[in-house]
Amino acid sequence: MQTPPVDPDLLDAAETVAREAAELTLRWFQSDELGLAHKDDGSPVTVADRAAEDHIRARLGTLFPDDAILGEERPAITGTSGRQWIIDPIDGTESFVRGVPLFSSLLAMVDEHGPAIGTVLVPALGEGAVAGRGRGCRWDGAPLRVNDVDDLTGACLSTSSFDRPWWPDDALLAVSGREGLRTRAWGDGYGYLLVAMGRIEAMTDPDLNEWDIAPMLTVIPEAGGRITRWDGSTRLTGGPWLASNGRVHDELLSLLDG
């Protein structure tokens, strides 16, 4: 049975809430009032992260009180509707705290059929993607599409970081040794947005949390691309992920997963 398109009213509501939260983060961007702290895993968190997530949670709680919520900065909320919203208020906090405008605000929704809504907003650049299952991927009313490059020679693969030991040695050596493949570190949600916009061919990360990748499971397919874990599966869990225009996907998987 074909998976039904997402309710357009849900998609509109998600876009509105996502835009509000993304705009909110700019109050602290390039400010001295970041309230910077570090979590137990050493990653940075700011007052902007928490304020944006709190805003999304409050708005969703009013609009969809029976829905579950999973976010990076606050405890999970269980629901009864069969829908779950997944929040990463600032993806790329390392960029945010350094005044680099490549951070993004991420929001996703999954339902009983799987990934249903994904938004990736880059407020400091005024760019983004809003996608709904069966509704396409757009920004400000214009469709977003992956490109049609089908050869890794000359293609661009981006990642959030080439740091070791985050990157497995074998995968790093295979990627760096592929003649003609260009590598960059336009990272975090912004890199996945670049794939959806057709500016680069692929984006990968060897270890992500659910909130880092959840929106991309709608954004990338609705833009005409492909997204899988390195083993080729698509279950929504943390771990290694690859997003591409689809045409170079299998060859990249063979490099990454050996």
C-alpha atoms as a PDB file:
ATOM      1  CA  MET A   1       0.000   0.000   0.000  1.00  0.00           C
ATOM      2  CA  GLN A   2       1.324   3.423  -0.938  1.00  0.00           C
ATOM      3  CA  THR A   3       2.340   5.648   1.952  1.00  0.00           C
ATOM      4  CA  PRO A   4      -0.052   8.629   2.125  1.00  0.00           C
ATOM      5  CA  PRO A   5       1.171  12.214   1.740  1.00  0.00           C
ATOM      6  CA  VAL A   6       1.431  14.186   4.949  1.00  0.00           C
ATOM      7  CA  ASP A   7      -1.442  16.479   5.881  1.00  0.00           C
ATOM      8  CA  PRO A   8      -0.625  19.903   4.362  1.00  0.00           C
ATOM      9  CA  ASP A   9      -1.951  21.655   7.473  1.00  0.00           C
ATOM     10  CA  LEU A  10       0.605  19.777   9.581  1.00  0.00           C
ATOM     11  CA  LEU A  11       3.337  20.804   7.141  1.00  0.00           C
ATOM     12  CA  ASP A  12       2.283  24.454   7.268  1.00  0.00           C
ATOM     13  CA  ALA A  13       2.247  24.399  11.068  1.00  0.00           C
ATOM     14  CA  ALA A  14       5.692  22.816  11.174  1.00  0.00           C
ATOM     15  CA  GLU A  15       7.120  25.446   8.847  1.00  0.00           C
ATOM     16  CA  THR A  16       5.639  28.277  10.919  1.00  0.00           C
ATOM     17  CA  VAL A  17       7.007  26.931  14.199  1.00  0.00           C
ATOM     18  CA  ALA A  18      10.393  26.118  12.666  1.00  0.00           C
ATOM     19  CA  ARG A  19      10.754  29.607  11.218  1.00  0.00           C
ATOM     20  CA  GLU A  20       9.853  31.189  14.551  1.00  0.00           C
ATOM     21  CA  ALA A  21      12.483  29.158  16.389  1.00  0.00           C
ATOM     22  CA  ALA A  22      15.162  29.742  13.782  1.00  0.00           C
ATOM     23  CA  GLU A  23      14.549  33.482  13.881  1.00  0.00           C
ATOM     24  CA  LEU A  24      14.733  33.381  17.678  1.00  0.00           C
ATOM     25  CA  THR A  25      18.294  32.038  17.588  1.00  0.00           C
ATOM     26  CA  LEU A  26      19.470  35.196  15.827  1.00  0.00           C
ATOM     27  CA  ARG A  27      18.862  37.203  19.025  1.00  0.00           C
ATOM     28  CA  TRP A  28      22.029  35.593  20.410  1.00  0.00           C
ATOM     29  CA  PHE A  29      24.044  35.058  17.236  1.00  0.00           C
ATOM     30  CA  GLN A  30      27.373  36.964  17.339  1.00  0.00           C
ATOM     31  CA  SER A  31      26.404  38.194  20.807  1.00  0.00           C
ATOM     32  CA  ASP A  32      28.404  38.306  24.024  1.00  0.00           C
ATOM     33  CA  GLU A  33      25.368  36.945  25.905  1.00  0.00           C
ATOM     34  CA  LEU A  34      25.548  33.328  24.739  1.00  0.00           C
ATOM     35  CA  GLY A  35      25.523  31.790  28.200  1.00  0.00           C
ATOM     36  CA  LEU A  36      27.923  29.156  26.883  1.00  0.00           C
ATOM     37  CA  ALA A  37      28.178  25.899  28.831  1.00  0.00           C
ATOM     38  CA  HIS A  38      29.288  22.361  28.072  1.00  0.00           C
ATOM     39  CA  LYS A  39      27.268  19.174  28.435  1.00  0.00           C
ATOM     40  CA  ASP A  40      28.547  15.925  29.896  1.00  0.00           C
ATOM     41  CA  ASP A  41      29.844  14.806  26.488  1.00  0.00           C
ATOM     42  CA  GLY A  42      31.832  18.031  26.117  1.00  0.00           C
ATOM     43  CA  SER A  43      29.633  19.531  23.392  1.00  0.00           C
ATOM     44  CA  PRO A  44      28.676  23.202  23.730  1.00  0.00           C
ATOM     45  CA  VAL A  45      25.199  24.452  24.574  1.00  0.00           C
ATOM     46  CA  THR A  46      23.959  28.028  24.791  1.00  0.00           C
ATOM     47  CA  VAL A  47      20.936  29.921  26.040  1.00  0.00           C
ATOM     48  CA  ALA A  48      19.870  30.141  22.402  1.00  0.00           C
ATOM     49  CA  ASP A  49      19.748  26.332  22.047  1.00  0.00           C
ATOM     50  CA  ARG A  50      17.482  26.021  25.051  1.00  0.00           C
ATOM     51  CA  ALA A  51      15.301  29.014  24.211  1.00  0.00           C
ATOM     52  CA  ALA A  52      14.666  27.779  20.672  1.00  0.00           C
ATOM     53  CA  GLU A  53      13.824  24.259  21.802  1.00  0.00           C
ATOM     54  CA  ASP A  54      11.560  25.569  24.554  1.00  0.00           C
ATOM     55  CA  HIS A  55       9.738  27.709  21.997  1.00  0.00           C
ATOM     56  CA  ILE A  56       9.150  24.754  19.678  1.00  0.00           C
ATOM     57  CA  ARG A  57       8.000  22.529  22.541  1.00  0.00           C
ATOM     58  CA  ALA A  58       5.564  25.149  23.799  1.00  0.00           C
ATOM     59  CA  ARG A  59       4.079  25.770  20.365  1.00  0.00           C
ATOM     60  CA  LEU A  60       3.774  22.069  19.553  1.00  0.00           C
ATOM     61  CA  GLY A  61       2.281  21.391  22.967  1.00  0.00           C
ATOM     62  CA  THR A  62      -0.454  23.901  22.212  1.00  0.00           C
ATOM     63  CA  LEU A  63      -1.067  22.820  18.616  1.00  0.00           C
ATOM     64  CA  PHE A  64      -0.677  19.052  19.037  1.00  0.00           C
ATOM     65  CA  PRO A  65      -0.954  18.196  22.740  1.00  0.00           C
ATOM     66  CA  ASP A  66      -1.182  14.440  22.105  1.00  0.00           C
ATOM     67  CA  ASP A  67       2.044  14.215  20.103  1.00  0.00           C
ATOM     68  CA  ALA A  68       5.362  12.904  21.437  1.00  0.00           C
ATOM     69  CA  ILE A  69       8.455  15.125  21.423  1.00  0.00           C
ATOM     70  CA  LEU A  70      12.142  14.202  21.343  1.00  0.00           C
ATOM     71  CA  GLY A  71      14.694  17.005  21.570  1.00  0.00           C
ATOM     72  CA  GLU A  72      18.397  17.428  22.118  1.00  0.00           C
ATOM     73  CA  GLU A  73      18.238  19.751  25.108  1.00  0.00           C
ATOM     74  CA  ARG A  74      15.205  18.642  27.153  1.00  0.00           C
ATOM     75  CA  PRO A  75      13.679  15.341  28.347  1.00  0.00           C
ATOM     76  CA  ALA A  76      11.468  13.404  25.951  1.00  0.00           C
ATOM     77  CA  ILE A  77       7.676  13.722  26.138  1.00  0.00           C
ATOM     78  CA  THR A  78       5.522  10.681  25.424  1.00  0.00           C
ATOM     79  CA  GLY A  79       2.373  10.974  23.342  1.00  0.00           C
ATOM     80  CA  THR A  80      -0.707   9.053  22.295  1.00  0.00           C
ATOM     81  CA  SER A  81      -1.310  10.252  18.721  1.00  0.00           C
ATOM     82  CA  GLY A  82       1.265   8.087  16.951  1.00  0.00           C
ATOM     83  CA  ARG A  83       3.208  11.184  15.870  1.00  0.00           C
ATOM     84  CA  GLN A  84       6.591  12.264  17.224  1.00  0.00           C
ATOM     85  CA  TRP A  85       8.339  15.585  16.711  1.00  0.00           C
ATOM     86  CA  ILE A  86      12.147  15.612  16.794  1.00  0.00           C
ATOM     87  CA  ILE A  87      14.017  18.841  17.551  1.00  0.00           C
ATOM     88  CA  ASP A  88      17.571  20.041  17.181  1.00  0.00           C
ATOM     89  CA  PRO A  89      17.262  23.754  17.970  1.00  0.00           C
ATOM     90  CA  ILE A  90      20.782  24.625  16.806  1.00  0.00           C
ATOM     91  CA  ASP A  91      22.637  22.064  14.723  1.00  0.00           C
ATOM     92  CA  GLY A  92      26.187  23.281  14.484  1.00  0.00           C
ATOM     93  CA  THR A  93      26.534  24.958  17.854  1.00  0.00           C
ATOM     94  CA  GLU A  94      30.303  24.967  17.283  1.00  0.00           C
ATOM     95  CA  SER A  95      29.659  27.336  14.343  1.00  0.00           C
ATOM     96  CA  PHE A  96      27.076  29.353  16.289  1.00  0.00           C
ATOM     97  CA  VAL A  97      29.352  30.128  19.224  1.00  0.00           C
ATOM     98  CA  ARG A  98      32.123  31.271  16.851  1.00  0.00           C
ATOM     99  CA  GLY A  99      29.860  33.590  14.899  1.00  0.00           C
ATOM    100  CA  VAL A 100      29.960  31.412  11.764  1.00  0.00           C
ATOM    101  CA  PRO A 101      26.594  31.600   9.921  1.00  0.00           C
ATOM    102  CA  LEU A 102      26.409  27.930   8.869  1.00  0.00           C
ATOM    103  CA  PHE A 103      24.420  26.681  11.871  1.00  0.00           C
ATOM    104  CA  SER A 104      20.888  25.445  11.286  1.00  0.00           C
ATOM    105  CA  SER A 105      17.669  24.797  13.164  1.00  0.00           C
ATOM    106  CA  LEU A 106      16.143  21.360  12.592  1.00  0.00           C
ATOM    107  CA  LEU A 107      12.624  20.024  13.068  1.00  0.00           C
ATOM    108  CA  ALA A 108      11.168  16.693  11.977  1.00  0.00           C
ATOM    109  CA  MET A 109       7.993  14.716  12.417  1.00  0.00           C
ATOM    110  CA  VAL A 110       7.531  10.967  12.061  1.00  0.00           C
ATOM    111  CA  ASP A 111       4.212   9.145  12.145  1.00  0.00           C
ATOM    112  CA  GLU A 112       2.947   5.582  11.856  1.00  0.00           C
ATOM    113  CA  HIS A 113       4.115   5.505   8.230  1.00  0.00           C
ATOM    114  CA  GLY A 114       7.645   6.810   8.915  1.00  0.00           C
ATOM    115  CA  PRO A 115       9.371  10.144   8.208  1.00  0.00           C
ATOM    116  CA  ALA A 116       6.731  12.724   7.328  1.00  0.00           C
ATOM    117  CA  ILE A 117       8.098  16.270   7.743  1.00  0.00           C
ATOM    118  CA  GLY A 118      11.573  17.776   7.713  1.00  0.00           C
ATOM    119  CA  THR A 119      12.747  21.360   7.985  1.00  0.00           C
ATOM    120  CA  VAL A 120      16.324  22.613   7.801  1.00  0.00           C
ATOM    121  CA  LEU A 121      16.581  26.371   8.314  1.00  0.00           C
ATOM    122  CA  VAL A 122      19.788  28.406   8.173  1.00  0.00           C
ATOM    123  CA  PRO A 123      18.565  31.744   9.525  1.00  0.00           C
ATOM    124  CA  ALA A 124      21.829  33.682   9.322  1.00  0.00           C
ATOM    125  CA  LEU A 125      21.937  33.002   5.561  1.00  0.00           C
ATOM    126  CA  GLY A 126      18.206  33.214   4.894  1.00  0.00           C
ATOM    127  CA  GLU A 127      18.234  29.729   3.328  1.00  0.00           C
ATOM    128  CA  GLY A 128      16.510  26.486   4.116  1.00  0.00           C
ATOM    129  CA  ALA A 129      14.336  23.573   3.079  1.00  0.00           C
ATOM    130  CA  VAL A 130      10.828  22.540   4.073  1.00  0.00           C
ATOM    131  CA  ALA A 131       9.696  19.084   2.990  1.00  0.00           C
ATOM    132  CA  GLY A 132       6.636  16.940   3.514  1.00  0.00           C
ATOM    133  CA  ARG A 133       6.146  13.321   2.540  1.00  0.00           C
ATOM    134  CA  GLY A 134       4.530  13.337  -0.900  1.00  0.00           C
ATOM    135  CA  ARG A 135       4.549  17.156  -0.932  1.00  0.00           C
ATOM    136  CA  GLY A 136       8.025  17.861  -2.300  1.00  0.00           C
ATOM    137  CA  CYS A 137      10.881  19.926  -0.930  1.00  0.00           C
ATOM    138  CA  ARG A 138      10.723  23.708  -1.198  1.00  0.00           C
ATOM    139  CA  TRP A 139      12.071  26.973   0.062  1.00  0.00           C
ATOM    140  CA  ASP A 140      10.006  30.167  -0.136  1.00  0.00           C
ATOM    141  CA  GLY A 141       7.712  28.454  -2.615  1.00  0.00           C
ATOM    142  CA  ALA A 142      10.456  27.358  -5.026  1.00  0.00           C
ATOM    143  CA  PRO A 143      11.185  23.629  -5.446  1.00  0.00           C
ATOM    144  CA  LEU A 144      14.558  22.257  -4.358  1.00  0.00           C
ATOM    145  CA  ARG A 145      16.150  19.417  -6.323  1.00  0.00           C
ATOM    146  CA  VAL A 146      19.364  17.458  -6.107  1.00  0.00           C
ATOM    147  CA  ASN A 147      21.712  17.668  -9.085  1.00  0.00           C
ATOM    148  CA  ASP A 148      22.228  14.985 -11.731  1.00  0.00           C
ATOM    149  CA  VAL A 149      25.988  14.413 -11.438  1.00  0.00           C
ATOM    150  CA  ASP A 150      26.619  10.686 -11.872  1.00  0.00           C
ATOM    151  CA  ASP A 151      30.405  10.426 -11.589  1.00  0.00           C
ATOM    152  CA  LEU A 152      32.436  10.739  -8.397  1.00  0.00           C
ATOM    153  CA  THR A 153      35.266  12.298 -10.392  1.00  0.00           C
ATOM    154  CA  GLY A 154      34.695  15.984  -9.807  1.00  0.00           C
ATOM    155  CA  ALA A 155      31.892  15.358  -7.323  1.00  0.00           C
ATOM    156  CA  CYS A 156      31.940  16.944  -3.860  1.00  0.00           C
ATOM    157  CA  LEU A 157      31.495  14.995  -0.634  1.00  0.00           C
ATOM    158  CA  SER A 158      31.112  17.046   2.530  1.00  0.00           C
ATOM    159  CA  THR A 159      31.137  16.104   6.205  1.00  0.00           C
ATOM    160  CA  SER A 160      30.858  17.874   9.531  1.00  0.00           C
ATOM    161  CA  SER A 161      34.452  17.019  10.416  1.00  0.00           C
ATOM    162  CA  PHE A 162      37.271  14.757   9.286  1.00  0.00           C
ATOM    163  CA  ASP A 163      38.512  14.419  12.868  1.00  0.00           C
ATOM    164  CA  ARG A 164      39.870  11.114  14.058  1.00  0.00           C
ATOM    165  CA  PRO A 165      38.757   8.928  15.787  1.00  0.00           C
ATOM    166  CA  TRP A 166      35.236  10.107  14.854  1.00  0.00           C
ATOM    167  CA  TRP A 167      35.994   8.952  11.303  1.00  0.00           C
ATOM    168  CA  PRO A 168      36.973   5.267  10.989  1.00  0.00           C
ATOM    169  CA  ASP A 169      40.438   4.990   9.475  1.00  0.00           C
ATOM    170  CA  ASP A 170      39.369   2.650   6.663  1.00  0.00           C
ATOM    171  CA  ALA A 171      36.514   4.898   5.540  1.00  0.00           C
ATOM    172  CA  LEU A 172      38.627   8.032   5.736  1.00  0.00           C
ATOM    173  CA  LEU A 173      41.427   6.473   3.708  1.00  0.00           C
ATOM    174  CA  ALA A 174      38.973   5.173   1.092  1.00  0.00           C
ATOM    175  CA  VAL A 175      37.308   8.556   0.634  1.00  0.00           C
ATOM    176  CA  SER A 176      40.524  10.563   0.603  1.00  0.00           C
ATOM    177  CA  GLY A 177      42.091   8.070  -1.800  1.00  0.00           C
ATOM    178  CA  ARG A 178      39.297   8.181  -4.377  1.00  0.00           C
ATOM    179  CA  GLU A 179      40.885  10.011  -7.306  1.00  0.00           C
ATOM    180  CA  GLY A 180      38.918  13.051  -8.416  1.00  0.00           C
ATOM    181  CA  LEU A 181      36.558  13.144  -5.423  1.00  0.00           C
ATOM    182  CA  ARG A 182      36.561  16.531  -3.757  1.00  0.00           C
ATOM    183  CA  THR A 183      36.056  16.686  -0.006  1.00  0.00           C
ATOM    184  CA  ARG A 184      34.923  19.639   2.070  1.00  0.00           C
ATOM    185  CA  ALA A 185      33.679  20.239   5.615  1.00  0.00           C
ATOM    186  CA  TRP A 186      30.532  22.287   5.084  1.00  0.00           C
ATOM    187  CA  GLY A 187      29.098  20.539   8.058  1.00  0.00           C
ATOM    188  CA  ASP A 188      26.092  19.762  10.174  1.00  0.00           C
ATOM    189  CA  GLY A 189      22.621  20.388   8.793  1.00  0.00           C
ATOM    190  CA  TYR A 190      23.956  22.893   6.292  1.00  0.00           C
ATOM    191  CA  GLY A 191      25.806  20.160   4.391  1.00  0.00           C
ATOM    192  CA  TYR A 192      22.619  18.124   3.951  1.00  0.00           C
ATOM    193  CA  LEU A 193      20.826  21.256   2.780  1.00  0.00           C
ATOM    194  CA  LEU A 194      23.515  21.747   0.123  1.00  0.00           C
ATOM    195  CA  VAL A 195      22.724  18.282  -1.234  1.00  0.00           C
ATOM    196  CA  ALA A 196      18.992  19.044  -1.376  1.00  0.00           C
ATOM    197  CA  MET A 197      19.726  22.325  -3.164  1.00  0.00           C
ATOM    198  CA  GLY A 198      21.903  20.596  -5.757  1.00  0.00           C
ATOM    199  CA  ARG A 199      25.050  22.497  -4.821  1.00  0.00           C
ATOM    200  CA  ILE A 200      27.018  19.408  -3.817  1.00  0.00           C
ATOM    201  CA  GLU A 201      26.590  15.728  -4.555  1.00  0.00           C
ATOM    202  CA  ALA A 202      26.842  14.116  -1.118  1.00  0.00           C
ATOM    203  CA  MET A 203      27.084  14.674   2.614  1.00  0.00           C
ATOM    204  CA  THR A 204      28.078  12.094   5.203  1.00  0.00           C
ATOM    205  CA  ASP A 205      28.752  11.795   8.911  1.00  0.00           C
ATOM    206  CA  PRO A 206      30.053   8.695  10.709  1.00  0.00           C
ATOM    207  CA  ASP A 207      28.113   9.182  13.952  1.00  0.00           C
ATOM    208  CA  LEU A 208      24.915  11.200  14.378  1.00  0.00           C
ATOM    209  CA  ASN A 209      22.083  11.395  16.882  1.00  0.00           C
ATOM    210  CA  GLU A 210      18.453  10.972  15.846  1.00  0.00           C
ATOM    211  CA  TRP A 211      17.785  14.712  16.042  1.00  0.00           C
ATOM    212  CA  ASP A 212      20.723  15.430  13.719  1.00  0.00           C
ATOM    213  CA  ILE A 213      19.412  13.272  10.882  1.00  0.00           C
ATOM    214  CA  ALA A 214      15.625  12.968  11.298  1.00  0.00           C
ATOM    215  CA  PRO A 215      14.639  15.937   9.063  1.00  0.00           C
ATOM    216  CA  MET A 216      16.918  14.726   6.280  1.00  0.00           C
ATOM    217  CA  LEU A 217      14.919  11.508   5.926  1.00  0.00           C
ATOM    218  CA  THR A 218      12.151  13.627   4.405  1.00  0.00           C
ATOM    219  CA  VAL A 219      14.143  16.517   2.918  1.00  0.00           C
ATOM    220  CA  ILE A 220      16.554  14.446   0.822  1.00  0.00           C
ATOM    221  CA  PRO A 221      14.046  12.002  -0.764  1.00  0.00           C
ATOM    222  CA  GLU A 222      11.551  14.786  -1.461  1.00  0.00           C
ATOM    223  CA  ALA A 223      14.340  16.693  -3.234  1.00  0.00           C
ATOM    224  CA  GLY A 224      14.941  13.637  -5.411  1.00  0.00           C
ATOM    225  CA  GLY A 225      17.951  12.244  -3.575  1.00  0.00           C
ATOM    226  CA  ARG A 226      18.738   9.223  -1.464  1.00  0.00           C
ATOM    227  CA  ILE A 227      19.659   8.859   2.192  1.00  0.00           C
ATOM    228  CA  THR A 228      20.758   5.718   4.034  1.00  0.00           C
ATOM    229  CA  ARG A 229      22.976   4.523   6.807  1.00  0.00           C
ATOM    230  CA  TRP A 230      26.369   3.265   5.677  1.00  0.00           C
ATOM    231  CA  ASP A 231      25.016  -0.289   5.648  1.00  0.00           C
ATOM    232  CA  GLY A 232      22.270   0.769   3.235  1.00  0.00           C
ATOM    233  CA  SER A 233      19.433   0.645   5.772  1.00  0.00           C
ATOM    234  CA  THR A 234      17.117   3.544   6.559  1.00  0.00           C
ATOM    235  CA  ARG A 235      15.985   2.922  10.145  1.00  0.00           C
ATOM    236  CA  LEU A 236      15.905   6.125  12.163  1.00  0.00           C
ATOM    237  CA  THR A 237      18.625   5.668  14.745  1.00  0.00           C
ATOM    238  CA  GLY A 238      21.928   7.301  15.508  1.00  0.00           C
ATOM    239  CA  GLY A 239      25.090   6.246  13.732  1.00  0.00           C
ATOM    240  CA  PRO A 240      26.660   6.742  10.282  1.00  0.00           C
ATOM    241  CA  TRP A 241      24.565   8.353   7.507  1.00  0.00           C
ATOM    242  CA  LEU A 242      25.052   9.262   3.846  1.00  0.00           C
ATOM    243  CA  ALA A 243      22.872  11.640   1.824  1.00  0.00           C
ATOM    244  CA  SER A 244      23.407  12.060  -1.888  1.00  0.00           C
ATOM    245  CA  ASN A 245      21.837  12.938  -5.200  1.00  0.00           C
ATOM    246  CA  GLY A 246      21.216   9.201  -5.570  1.00  0.00           C
ATOM    247  CA  ARG A 247      23.404   8.772  -8.625  1.00  0.00           C
ATOM    248  CA  VAL A 248      26.685   8.506  -6.715  1.00  0.00           C
ATOM    249  CA  HIS A 249      25.226   6.829  -3.653  1.00  0.00           C
ATOM    250  CA  ASP A 250      26.170   3.207  -4.201  1.00  0.00           C
ATOM    251  CA  GLU A 251      29.774   3.958  -5.071  1.00  0.00           C
ATOM    252  CA  LEU A 252      30.141   6.112  -1.983  1.00  0.00           C
ATOM    253  CA  LEU A 253      28.624   3.384   0.186  1.00  0.00           C
ATOM    254  CA  SER A 254      31.193   0.947  -1.158  1.00  0.00           C
ATOM    255  CA  LEU A 255      33.948   3.326  -0.045  1.00  0.00           C
ATOM    256  CA  LEU A 256      32.459   4.130   3.352  1.00  0.00           C
ATOM    257  CA  ASP A 257      31.324   0.665   4.394  1.00  0.00           C
ATOM    258  CA  GLY A 258      34.032  -1.263   2.573  1.00  0.00           C
END
